[in-house]
Amino acid sequence: MYQHNINSFDDIVTTFKYWYSRHNKYAKPLLQNMGVDTSRVKDIKIREIKPNNNGGRIMFDFYDGSLKKIINRQNLRVQLVSNEAEFNQISEKLVETYQELWNIPKNVVKILKHFTGELPPYIDNTRDPRRMFVNEFTDAERAALFDFLKANQLLIVSDILKGRGKLATEWMLVIVRNKDYKIAHWALKSINVVCNYFGNGEIEMSPQGSVYIGKIRMQRKGGDGGRPSANMLQFNIDPTKLIDS
């Protein structure tokens, strides 16, 4: 991008702010691929930025020569990757927050809370004394969880990848950095392509006892020094898969 090194999400934001610079070989083609007529754009206002640990969302307003008329508006989701194969967190919330979004039935909420550790295990000798893995639930409980995920797969995939309302994104930009924090690879995909790629597929248990929704991994967040936030439900993808898709 415009920055010689991409050390953080802020460097990506700076690259887009200075899209017009002749030294900036990435931003202008990216904007054009997003459907922006750069010949008419005189200024870009970054309306809002929502950073996270491995990227974030950038909301753009594109102005004409009068600097009063908005001629285009785009929301972009950025995934910043440091390795060729690396799962990035794309959404993480407490189970109750997802319950409100997706109207999760109470029996499935209970299963998910045991899975994340909000509720302790109800059986002895679990692999982790703080929580339960999917293969430690009964067949009936697994069936209830998988039936819910399958029935709501399109909604879940759209919410965690695209989002809703003003935060809904139209594009995903994946940037893979090398060990010197320089760009090794990048890909820009429409969010519908992203949803189809990661969201299509079976609901199945991972070898580690988590869940795959297509190519999206659903797991307990963990870490955070044992704070309550460790018990969030987390969804991850490997964004590098978009490079060659």
Protein backbone atom coordinates (compact mmCIF):
# COMPACT_ATOMS: atom_id res chain seq x y z
CA MET A 1 0.00 0.00 0.00
CA TYR A 2 1.08 3.66 0.30
CA GLN A 3 2.87 2.94 3.55
CA HIS A 4 6.18 1.14 3.04
CA ASN A 5 5.31 -1.07 6.00
CA ILE A 6 1.86 -2.16 7.16
CA ASN A 7 2.34 -2.30 10.89
CA SER A 8 -1.27 -1.73 11.85
CA PHE A 9 -4.78 -1.01 10.66
CA ASP A 10 -3.97 2.72 10.93
CA ASP A 11 -1.44 2.36 8.11
CA ILE A 12 -4.17 1.02 5.83
CA VAL A 13 -6.43 3.96 6.72
CA THR A 14 -3.57 6.35 5.89
CA THR A 15 -3.09 4.66 2.54
CA PHE A 16 -6.68 5.39 1.58
CA LYS A 17 -6.51 8.95 2.89
CA TYR A 18 -3.67 9.66 0.46
CA TRP A 19 -5.13 7.70 -2.44
CA TYR A 20 -4.26 10.49 -4.93
CA SER A 21 -0.49 10.39 -4.33
CA ARG A 22 1.57 9.25 -7.31
CA HIS A 23 3.58 7.10 -4.88
CA ASN A 24 0.43 5.26 -3.84
CA LYS A 25 0.07 2.37 -6.27
CA TYR A 26 -2.61 0.43 -4.41
CA ALA A 27 -5.43 2.67 -3.19
CA LYS A 28 -6.65 4.11 -6.49
CA PRO A 29 -7.01 0.72 -8.27
CA LEU A 30 -8.74 -0.66 -5.18
CA LEU A 31 -11.23 2.20 -5.14
CA GLN A 32 -11.87 1.73 -8.85
CA ASN A 33 -12.47 -1.99 -8.31
CA MET A 34 -15.02 -0.97 -5.67
CA GLY A 35 -16.94 0.94 -8.32
CA VAL A 36 -15.69 4.42 -7.41
CA ASP A 37 -15.23 6.83 -10.35
CA THR A 38 -11.97 8.36 -9.13
CA SER A 39 -12.00 10.91 -11.98
CA ARG A 40 -14.92 12.62 -10.25
CA VAL A 41 -13.65 12.30 -6.68
CA LYS A 42 -12.03 15.38 -5.17
CA ASP A 43 -12.06 14.33 -1.55
CA ILE A 44 -12.60 11.28 0.62
CA LYS A 45 -14.03 11.57 4.07
CA ILE A 46 -13.62 8.56 6.32
CA ARG A 47 -16.94 8.57 8.08
CA GLU A 48 -16.19 5.94 10.68
CA ILE A 49 -13.51 3.44 11.57
CA LYS A 50 -14.09 0.29 13.59
CA PRO A 51 -10.69 -1.32 14.23
CA ASN A 52 -10.08 -4.73 15.78
CA ASN A 53 -7.04 -6.90 16.44
CA ASN A 54 -6.56 -8.02 12.84
CA GLY A 55 -8.13 -5.30 10.72
CA GLY A 56 -11.42 -3.49 10.95
CA ARG A 57 -14.08 -1.63 9.00
CA ILE A 58 -13.66 1.63 7.10
CA MET A 59 -16.67 3.68 5.98
CA PHE A 60 -15.99 6.11 3.13
CA ASP A 61 -17.85 9.12 1.72
CA PHE A 62 -16.62 10.28 -1.71
CA TYR A 63 -17.19 13.95 -2.61
CA ASP A 64 -17.24 15.79 -5.93
CA GLY A 65 -15.49 19.08 -6.70
CA SER A 66 -17.93 21.14 -4.65
CA LEU A 67 -17.03 19.09 -1.58
CA LYS A 68 -20.74 19.15 -0.76
CA LYS A 69 -22.20 16.37 -2.87
CA ILE A 70 -21.53 12.74 -1.96
CA ILE A 71 -21.13 10.82 -5.21
CA ASN A 72 -20.40 7.41 -3.69
CA ARG A 73 -20.41 5.67 -0.34
CA GLN A 74 -18.61 2.44 0.44
CA ASN A 75 -18.03 0.28 3.50
CA LEU A 76 -14.92 -1.88 3.49
CA ARG A 77 -13.89 -4.68 5.82
CA VAL A 78 -10.13 -5.21 6.10
CA GLN A 79 -8.48 -8.45 7.20
CA LEU A 80 -4.78 -8.10 8.02
CA VAL A 81 -2.83 -11.36 8.03
CA SER A 82 0.78 -12.00 9.02
CA ASN A 83 1.05 -15.63 7.91
CA GLU A 84 0.04 -17.56 4.82
CA ALA A 85 -2.44 -19.65 6.82
CA GLU A 86 -3.91 -17.87 9.79
CA PHE A 87 -7.41 -17.82 11.23
CA ASN A 88 -8.71 -14.33 11.95
CA GLN A 89 -11.47 -13.47 14.37
CA ILE A 90 -14.40 -11.89 12.53
CA SER A 91 -17.01 -11.75 15.28
CA GLU A 92 -17.10 -12.40 19.01
CA LYS A 93 -19.88 -11.72 21.48
CA LEU A 94 -21.48 -13.24 24.54
CA VAL A 95 -24.04 -15.91 23.71
CA GLU A 96 -26.92 -13.72 24.91
CA THR A 97 -26.06 -11.07 22.31
CA TYR A 98 -26.24 -13.64 19.51
CA GLN A 99 -29.45 -14.97 21.09
CA GLU A 100 -31.07 -11.58 20.53
CA LEU A 101 -29.81 -11.39 16.94
CA TRP A 102 -30.83 -14.88 15.89
CA ASN A 103 -33.65 -15.77 18.29
CA ILE A 104 -31.75 -18.80 19.58
CA PRO A 105 -34.00 -21.18 21.55
CA LYS A 106 -33.27 -21.60 25.25
CA ASN A 107 -32.05 -25.19 25.00
CA VAL A 108 -29.47 -24.19 22.35
CA VAL A 109 -28.44 -21.14 24.41
CA LYS A 110 -27.70 -23.47 27.32
CA ILE A 111 -25.59 -25.72 25.09
CA LEU A 112 -23.64 -22.75 23.75
CA LYS A 113 -23.01 -21.39 27.25
CA HIS A 114 -21.58 -24.75 28.35
CA PHE A 115 -19.51 -24.71 25.15
CA THR A 116 -18.05 -21.25 25.86
CA GLY A 117 -17.70 -21.68 29.62
CA GLU A 118 -20.31 -19.17 30.72
CA LEU A 119 -21.85 -22.22 32.35
CA PRO A 120 -19.55 -24.87 33.84
CA PRO A 121 -19.58 -28.48 32.58
CA TYR A 122 -22.48 -30.58 33.82
CA ILE A 123 -20.52 -33.83 33.42
CA ASP A 124 -17.33 -35.06 35.08
CA ASN A 125 -13.91 -35.51 33.50
CA THR A 126 -14.27 -33.05 30.63
CA ARG A 127 -11.18 -32.21 28.59
CA ASP A 128 -11.28 -28.70 30.03
CA PRO A 129 -12.73 -28.19 33.52
CA ARG A 130 -13.96 -24.71 32.49
CA ARG A 131 -16.16 -25.71 29.55
CA MET A 132 -17.44 -28.48 27.27
CA PHE A 133 -16.53 -29.43 23.73
CA VAL A 134 -19.15 -30.37 21.16
CA ASN A 135 -18.26 -34.07 21.29
CA GLU A 136 -18.95 -34.04 25.05
CA PHE A 137 -22.63 -33.21 24.60
CA THR A 138 -25.29 -35.86 24.12
CA ASP A 139 -26.37 -36.88 20.62
CA ALA A 140 -29.67 -35.07 21.18
CA GLU A 141 -27.92 -31.86 22.24
CA ARG A 142 -25.58 -31.95 19.25
CA ALA A 143 -28.55 -32.52 16.95
CA ALA A 144 -30.40 -29.54 18.47
CA LEU A 145 -27.34 -27.29 18.02
CA PHE A 146 -26.64 -28.41 14.46
CA ASP A 147 -30.33 -28.18 13.46
CA PHE A 148 -30.45 -24.59 14.68
CA LEU A 149 -27.24 -23.64 12.87
CA LYS A 150 -28.39 -25.29 9.65
CA ALA A 151 -31.82 -23.61 9.74
CA ASN A 152 -30.20 -20.18 10.31
CA GLN A 153 -26.99 -20.60 8.32
CA LEU A 154 -27.62 -17.79 5.82
CA LEU A 155 -28.53 -15.30 8.56
CA ILE A 156 -25.55 -16.23 10.73
CA VAL A 157 -23.08 -16.01 7.84
CA SER A 158 -24.46 -12.66 6.70
CA ASP A 159 -24.39 -11.15 10.19
CA ILE A 160 -20.83 -12.15 11.05
CA LEU A 161 -19.29 -11.35 7.65
CA LYS A 162 -21.41 -8.53 6.25
CA GLY A 163 -23.09 -7.05 9.32
CA ARG A 164 -26.25 -4.98 9.58
CA GLY A 165 -27.31 -1.37 9.28
CA LYS A 166 -24.66 1.32 8.91
CA LEU A 167 -21.89 -1.19 9.63
CA ALA A 168 -22.90 -3.48 6.77
CA THR A 169 -19.95 -3.85 4.39
CA GLU A 170 -19.93 -4.28 0.62
CA TRP A 171 -16.28 -5.38 0.27
CA MET A 172 -13.55 -7.33 2.03
CA LEU A 173 -9.89 -6.50 1.54
CA VAL A 174 -7.36 -9.15 2.59
CA ILE A 175 -3.74 -8.08 3.06
CA VAL A 176 -1.05 -10.69 3.72
CA ARG A 177 2.17 -9.24 5.13
CA ASN A 178 5.60 -10.83 5.06
CA LYS A 179 8.00 -10.89 8.01
CA ASP A 180 9.16 -7.35 7.17
CA TYR A 181 5.56 -6.07 7.33
CA LYS A 182 5.51 -5.46 3.60
CA ILE A 183 2.61 -6.62 1.44
CA ALA A 184 3.11 -10.12 0.06
CA HIS A 185 -0.39 -10.66 -1.35
CA TRP A 186 -3.76 -8.95 -1.33
CA ALA A 187 -7.28 -9.56 -2.61
CA LEU A 188 -10.43 -7.45 -2.82
CA LYS A 189 -13.73 -9.35 -2.99
CA SER A 190 -17.36 -8.29 -2.86
CA ILE A 191 -18.99 -9.30 0.40
CA ASN A 192 -21.48 -11.52 -1.45
CA VAL A 193 -18.58 -13.51 -2.89
CA VAL A 194 -17.06 -13.71 0.59
CA CYS A 195 -20.31 -14.94 2.15
CA ASN A 196 -20.78 -17.56 -0.54
CA TYR A 197 -17.19 -18.76 -0.27
CA PHE A 198 -16.99 -19.08 3.50
CA GLY A 199 -20.65 -19.74 4.29
CA ASN A 200 -21.50 -22.53 1.86
CA GLY A 201 -20.92 -26.01 3.18
CA GLU A 202 -21.93 -28.41 5.89
CA ILE A 203 -22.42 -27.86 9.59
CA GLU A 204 -19.98 -30.27 11.19
CA MET A 205 -17.81 -30.84 14.21
CA SER A 206 -14.13 -29.97 13.92
CA PRO A 207 -11.46 -32.47 14.99
CA GLN A 208 -10.86 -30.29 18.06
CA GLY A 209 -14.50 -30.40 19.17
CA SER A 210 -15.58 -26.99 17.87
CA VAL A 211 -17.98 -26.38 14.95
CA TYR A 212 -17.55 -25.53 11.28
CA ILE A 213 -20.26 -23.58 9.48
CA GLY A 214 -19.03 -24.09 5.95
CA LYS A 215 -15.47 -22.70 6.18
CA ILE A 216 -16.23 -20.60 9.27
CA ARG A 217 -15.00 -21.95 12.59
CA MET A 218 -17.15 -21.39 15.67
CA GLN A 219 -15.30 -21.74 18.97
CA ARG A 220 -14.84 -20.41 22.48
CA LYS A 221 -12.77 -17.22 22.48
CA GLY A 222 -10.47 -18.18 25.36
CA GLY A 223 -7.45 -16.21 26.55
CA ASP A 224 -8.02 -12.77 28.11
CA GLY A 225 -6.39 -13.84 31.36
CA GLY A 226 -9.47 -15.75 32.43
CA ARG A 227 -11.71 -12.68 32.35
CA PRO A 228 -15.43 -13.16 31.49
CA SER A 229 -14.70 -12.04 27.91
CA ALA A 230 -12.85 -15.36 27.43
CA ASN A 231 -16.28 -17.00 27.47
CA MET A 232 -17.46 -15.26 24.32
CA LEU A 233 -18.58 -17.20 21.27
CA GLN A 234 -16.10 -16.50 18.49
CA PHE A 235 -16.25 -16.97 14.71
CA ASN A 236 -13.02 -17.24 12.67
CA ILE A 237 -12.04 -17.53 9.02
CA ASP A 238 -8.78 -18.02 7.16
CA PRO A 239 -8.93 -14.91 4.93
CA THR A 240 -5.91 -16.00 2.88
CA LYS A 241 -8.22 -18.48 1.13
CA LEU A 242 -9.68 -15.52 -0.76
CA ILE A 243 -6.34 -14.78 -2.43
CA ASP A 244 -6.68 -17.56 -5.00
CA SER A 245 -10.47 -18.07 -4.92
